[in-house]
N, C-alpha and C. Protein backbone atom coordinates (compact mmCIF):
# COMPACT_ATOMS: atom_id res chain seq x y z
N MET A 1 44.32 45.75 6.73
CA MET A 1 44.35 45.66 5.28
C MET A 1 45.81 45.72 4.82
N LEU A 2 46.11 44.93 3.82
CA LEU A 2 47.45 44.97 3.24
C LEU A 2 47.63 46.28 2.49
N SER A 3 48.84 46.78 2.51
CA SER A 3 49.11 47.98 1.72
C SER A 3 48.94 47.63 0.25
N PRO A 4 48.64 48.61 -0.57
CA PRO A 4 48.49 48.32 -2.01
C PRO A 4 49.73 47.67 -2.61
N VAL A 5 50.92 48.07 -2.14
CA VAL A 5 52.15 47.48 -2.67
C VAL A 5 52.22 46.01 -2.31
N CYS A 6 52.00 45.69 -1.03
CA CYS A 6 52.07 44.29 -0.58
C CYS A 6 51.02 43.43 -1.27
N SER A 7 49.78 43.93 -1.29
CA SER A 7 48.73 43.12 -1.90
C SER A 7 48.97 42.92 -3.38
N GLY A 8 49.47 43.94 -4.06
CA GLY A 8 49.77 43.81 -5.48
C GLY A 8 50.84 42.78 -5.74
N VAL A 9 51.89 42.81 -4.94
CA VAL A 9 52.99 41.86 -5.09
C VAL A 9 52.49 40.44 -4.82
N LEU A 10 51.81 40.24 -3.70
CA LEU A 10 51.32 38.90 -3.36
C LEU A 10 50.32 38.38 -4.38
N ASP A 11 49.42 39.24 -4.80
CA ASP A 11 48.38 38.81 -5.73
C ASP A 11 48.91 38.49 -7.12
N GLU A 12 49.99 39.15 -7.53
CA GLU A 12 50.52 38.95 -8.87
C GLU A 12 51.53 37.82 -8.97
N LEU A 13 52.07 37.38 -7.83
CA LEU A 13 53.06 36.31 -7.87
C LEU A 13 52.41 34.98 -8.23
N PRO A 14 53.05 34.19 -9.09
CA PRO A 14 52.54 32.85 -9.34
C PRO A 14 52.66 32.03 -8.04
N ALA A 15 51.81 31.04 -7.88
CA ALA A 15 51.76 30.24 -6.64
C ALA A 15 53.13 29.70 -6.26
N GLU A 16 53.91 29.25 -7.24
CA GLU A 16 55.21 28.65 -6.91
C GLU A 16 56.23 29.68 -6.42
N ASN A 17 55.96 30.98 -6.60
CA ASN A 17 56.89 32.02 -6.16
C ASN A 17 56.42 32.78 -4.92
N LYS A 18 55.23 32.45 -4.41
CA LYS A 18 54.73 33.13 -3.22
C LYS A 18 55.56 32.71 -2.01
N PRO A 19 55.71 33.60 -1.05
CA PRO A 19 56.48 33.23 0.14
C PRO A 19 55.78 32.12 0.92
N LYS A 20 56.57 31.27 1.55
CA LYS A 20 55.99 30.23 2.39
C LYS A 20 55.38 30.83 3.64
N LEU A 21 55.92 31.99 4.07
CA LEU A 21 55.47 32.63 5.30
C LEU A 21 55.72 34.12 5.21
N VAL A 22 54.73 34.92 5.56
CA VAL A 22 54.92 36.37 5.69
C VAL A 22 55.21 36.63 7.16
N ARG A 23 56.33 37.27 7.44
CA ARG A 23 56.75 37.53 8.81
C ARG A 23 56.78 39.03 9.02
N GLY A 24 56.22 39.49 10.12
CA GLY A 24 56.22 40.92 10.39
C GLY A 24 56.38 41.22 11.87
N ASP A 25 56.84 42.42 12.14
CA ASP A 25 56.99 42.87 13.52
C ASP A 25 55.61 43.20 14.08
N ASN A 26 55.57 43.61 15.34
CA ASN A 26 54.28 43.84 16.00
C ASN A 26 53.46 44.96 15.36
N ALA A 27 54.07 45.85 14.61
CA ALA A 27 53.32 46.91 13.95
C ALA A 27 52.40 46.34 12.86
N PHE A 28 52.71 45.15 12.36
CA PHE A 28 51.90 44.54 11.30
C PHE A 28 50.89 43.54 11.85
N GLY A 29 51.00 43.18 13.11
CA GLY A 29 50.14 42.15 13.68
C GLY A 29 48.77 42.66 14.07
N CYS A 30 48.11 43.36 13.17
CA CYS A 30 46.78 43.88 13.45
C CYS A 30 45.73 43.01 12.75
N ASP A 31 44.51 43.12 13.22
CA ASP A 31 43.43 42.28 12.70
C ASP A 31 43.26 42.44 11.18
N ALA A 32 43.32 43.67 10.68
CA ALA A 32 43.11 43.90 9.25
C ALA A 32 44.18 43.20 8.40
N MET A 33 45.42 43.28 8.85
CA MET A 33 46.52 42.64 8.10
C MET A 33 46.37 41.12 8.12
N MET A 34 46.08 40.56 9.30
CA MET A 34 45.94 39.12 9.41
C MET A 34 44.75 38.63 8.59
N THR A 35 43.66 39.36 8.62
CA THR A 35 42.47 38.97 7.85
C THR A 35 42.77 38.99 6.35
N ALA A 36 43.47 40.02 5.87
CA ALA A 36 43.81 40.11 4.45
C ALA A 36 44.68 38.93 4.02
N LEU A 37 45.64 38.54 4.85
CA LEU A 37 46.49 37.40 4.51
C LEU A 37 45.69 36.10 4.56
N GLU A 38 44.81 35.96 5.54
CA GLU A 38 43.98 34.76 5.63
C GLU A 38 43.08 34.62 4.41
N GLN A 39 42.54 35.73 3.92
CA GLN A 39 41.68 35.69 2.73
C GLN A 39 42.46 35.23 1.51
N ARG A 40 43.75 35.43 1.50
CA ARG A 40 44.61 35.00 0.38
C ARG A 40 45.19 33.60 0.62
N GLY A 41 44.90 33.01 1.78
CA GLY A 41 45.45 31.70 2.10
C GLY A 41 46.95 31.76 2.35
N GLN A 42 47.44 32.92 2.76
CA GLN A 42 48.87 33.13 2.96
C GLN A 42 49.25 32.93 4.43
N PRO A 43 50.08 31.93 4.73
CA PRO A 43 50.54 31.76 6.11
C PRO A 43 51.34 32.97 6.57
N TYR A 44 51.25 33.29 7.87
CA TYR A 44 51.96 34.45 8.40
C TYR A 44 52.38 34.20 9.84
N LEU A 45 53.31 35.03 10.29
CA LEU A 45 53.77 35.01 11.67
C LEU A 45 54.10 36.44 12.06
N PHE A 46 53.41 36.94 13.08
CA PHE A 46 53.65 38.30 13.56
C PHE A 46 53.90 38.27 15.06
N LYS A 47 54.73 39.18 15.51
CA LYS A 47 54.82 39.43 16.94
C LYS A 47 53.54 40.16 17.34
N LEU A 48 53.08 39.92 18.55
CA LEU A 48 51.91 40.63 19.03
C LEU A 48 52.33 41.85 19.84
N LYS A 49 51.55 42.91 19.74
CA LYS A 49 51.78 44.06 20.60
C LYS A 49 51.50 43.63 22.03
N LEU A 50 52.30 44.07 22.95
CA LEU A 50 52.14 43.65 24.34
C LEU A 50 51.06 44.49 25.03
N SER A 51 49.83 44.29 24.60
CA SER A 51 48.69 44.96 25.22
C SER A 51 48.40 44.30 26.57
N LYS A 52 47.50 44.87 27.31
CA LYS A 52 47.12 44.31 28.61
C LYS A 52 46.61 42.88 28.45
N ASN A 53 45.79 42.64 27.43
CA ASN A 53 45.25 41.29 27.20
C ASN A 53 46.34 40.29 26.84
N VAL A 54 47.29 40.71 26.01
CA VAL A 54 48.37 39.81 25.61
C VAL A 54 49.26 39.50 26.81
N LYS A 55 49.59 40.49 27.62
CA LYS A 55 50.41 40.26 28.81
C LYS A 55 49.72 39.29 29.76
N ARG A 56 48.44 39.46 29.96
CA ARG A 56 47.67 38.56 30.83
C ARG A 56 47.70 37.13 30.26
N HIS A 57 47.56 37.03 28.96
CA HIS A 57 47.59 35.72 28.30
C HIS A 57 48.95 35.05 28.48
N ILE A 58 50.03 35.81 28.30
CA ILE A 58 51.37 35.25 28.44
C ILE A 58 51.60 34.74 29.85
N VAL A 59 51.19 35.49 30.86
CA VAL A 59 51.34 35.05 32.24
C VAL A 59 50.61 33.73 32.47
N SER A 60 49.39 33.61 31.94
CA SER A 60 48.63 32.37 32.13
C SER A 60 49.27 31.21 31.38
N VAL A 61 49.81 31.44 30.19
CA VAL A 61 50.45 30.38 29.42
C VAL A 61 51.73 29.91 30.09
N PHE A 62 52.48 30.83 30.68
CA PHE A 62 53.72 30.46 31.37
C PHE A 62 53.45 29.47 32.50
N ARG A 63 52.28 29.49 33.07
CA ARG A 63 51.94 28.60 34.18
C ARG A 63 51.48 27.22 33.71
N GLN A 64 51.26 27.05 32.42
CA GLN A 64 50.73 25.80 31.89
C GLN A 64 51.86 24.85 31.49
N SER A 65 51.51 23.57 31.44
CA SER A 65 52.47 22.58 30.96
C SER A 65 52.33 22.43 29.45
N GLY A 66 53.14 21.56 28.87
CA GLY A 66 53.02 21.29 27.44
C GLY A 66 53.99 22.10 26.59
N TRP A 67 55.02 22.66 27.20
CA TRP A 67 56.01 23.41 26.45
C TRP A 67 56.93 22.44 25.71
N THR A 68 57.41 22.84 24.55
CA THR A 68 58.25 22.01 23.71
C THR A 68 59.62 22.68 23.53
N ASP A 69 60.65 21.87 23.55
CA ASP A 69 62.00 22.37 23.31
C ASP A 69 62.07 22.92 21.89
N ALA A 70 62.45 24.19 21.76
CA ALA A 70 62.57 24.83 20.46
C ALA A 70 64.04 24.99 20.05
N GLY A 71 64.94 24.45 20.86
CA GLY A 71 66.36 24.52 20.54
C GLY A 71 67.03 25.75 21.12
N GLN A 72 68.32 25.66 21.32
CA GLN A 72 69.16 26.75 21.80
C GLN A 72 68.65 27.35 23.11
N GLY A 73 68.09 26.50 23.99
CA GLY A 73 67.63 26.95 25.30
C GLY A 73 66.25 27.58 25.31
N TRP A 74 65.54 27.55 24.18
CA TRP A 74 64.21 28.15 24.09
C TRP A 74 63.14 27.08 24.13
N GLU A 75 61.97 27.48 24.62
CA GLU A 75 60.80 26.61 24.64
C GLU A 75 59.63 27.35 24.00
N GLY A 76 58.70 26.61 23.43
CA GLY A 76 57.52 27.21 22.82
C GLY A 76 56.29 26.40 23.14
N ARG A 77 55.14 27.01 22.98
CA ARG A 77 53.87 26.33 23.26
C ARG A 77 52.78 26.95 22.40
N TRP A 78 52.07 26.12 21.62
CA TRP A 78 50.93 26.60 20.84
C TRP A 78 49.76 26.79 21.77
N GLY A 79 48.94 27.78 21.46
CA GLY A 79 47.73 28.01 22.24
C GLY A 79 46.78 28.92 21.49
N ALA A 80 45.63 29.11 22.07
CA ALA A 80 44.64 30.01 21.47
C ALA A 80 45.15 31.44 21.55
N CYS A 81 44.77 32.24 20.59
CA CYS A 81 45.14 33.64 20.59
C CYS A 81 44.34 34.34 21.70
N PRO A 82 44.93 35.31 22.38
CA PRO A 82 44.21 36.00 23.45
C PRO A 82 42.96 36.69 22.95
N GLN A 83 41.95 36.74 23.79
CA GLN A 83 40.71 37.45 23.45
C GLN A 83 41.02 38.93 23.26
N GLY A 84 40.19 39.60 22.48
CA GLY A 84 40.35 41.03 22.30
C GLY A 84 41.30 41.41 21.18
N LEU A 85 41.63 40.45 20.30
CA LEU A 85 42.51 40.77 19.18
C LEU A 85 41.75 40.72 17.86
N GLY A 86 40.58 41.26 17.87
CA GLY A 86 39.77 41.30 16.65
C GLY A 86 38.76 40.17 16.61
N GLU A 87 37.89 40.26 15.64
CA GLU A 87 36.79 39.30 15.51
C GLU A 87 37.27 37.88 15.26
N GLU A 88 38.38 37.73 14.59
CA GLU A 88 38.86 36.41 14.20
C GLU A 88 39.76 35.76 15.25
N SER A 89 40.00 36.42 16.38
CA SER A 89 40.99 35.92 17.34
C SER A 89 40.66 34.55 17.88
N SER A 90 39.39 34.17 17.89
CA SER A 90 39.02 32.87 18.46
C SER A 90 39.57 31.70 17.64
N ARG A 91 39.87 31.90 16.36
CA ARG A 91 40.38 30.78 15.56
C ARG A 91 41.86 30.92 15.23
N ARG A 92 42.48 31.98 15.69
CA ARG A 92 43.92 32.16 15.48
C ARG A 92 44.68 31.51 16.62
N ARG A 93 45.93 31.18 16.34
CA ARG A 93 46.77 30.56 17.37
C ARG A 93 47.93 31.48 17.70
N ALA A 94 48.36 31.38 18.92
CA ALA A 94 49.54 32.13 19.38
C ALA A 94 50.59 31.12 19.80
N ALA A 95 51.83 31.49 19.63
CA ALA A 95 52.94 30.60 20.00
C ALA A 95 53.93 31.35 20.87
N PRO A 96 53.63 31.48 22.16
CA PRO A 96 54.60 32.14 23.04
C PRO A 96 55.90 31.35 23.06
N ALA A 97 57.00 32.06 23.10
CA ALA A 97 58.32 31.43 23.20
C ALA A 97 59.05 32.08 24.36
N ALA A 98 59.84 31.28 25.05
CA ALA A 98 60.56 31.81 26.21
C ALA A 98 61.89 31.12 26.37
N ASP A 99 62.84 31.86 26.83
CA ASP A 99 64.10 31.27 27.27
C ASP A 99 63.71 30.36 28.45
N GLY A 100 64.18 29.15 28.46
CA GLY A 100 63.82 28.20 29.51
C GLY A 100 64.01 28.77 30.91
N ARG A 101 64.96 29.66 31.07
CA ARG A 101 65.19 30.27 32.39
C ARG A 101 64.06 31.22 32.77
N ASP A 102 63.37 31.81 31.78
CA ASP A 102 62.27 32.72 32.07
C ASP A 102 61.12 31.99 32.74
N ARG A 103 61.02 30.71 32.48
CA ARG A 103 59.92 29.92 33.06
C ARG A 103 60.41 29.10 34.25
N GLY A 104 61.49 29.50 34.85
CA GLY A 104 61.99 28.78 36.02
C GLY A 104 62.83 27.57 35.67
N GLY A 105 63.31 27.50 34.44
CA GLY A 105 64.16 26.39 34.02
C GLY A 105 63.44 25.07 33.88
N ARG A 106 62.14 25.11 33.69
CA ARG A 106 61.36 23.87 33.55
C ARG A 106 61.60 23.19 32.25
């Protein structure tokens, strides 16, 4: 759930003044926060907590092809959000990013 301050600010802003993207650290990347932003139609980007499921997901994604150059030596790849991140995780997307050297320089 969004804090009362955040929800009040977002809800009261006229559409033309709303942020294009809400960005938060891993402390904000919880199911309740993401669901509240989705209900408002607000795009967001959060780091994920490195839980056991997320770590397993990252290892499997690193082995897959389809990575895109993200500039400055980084690569990224869109994919499904790892299981176990709340009820809505099946329709959310994750975008792991890695220094190209982390993936063997591929």
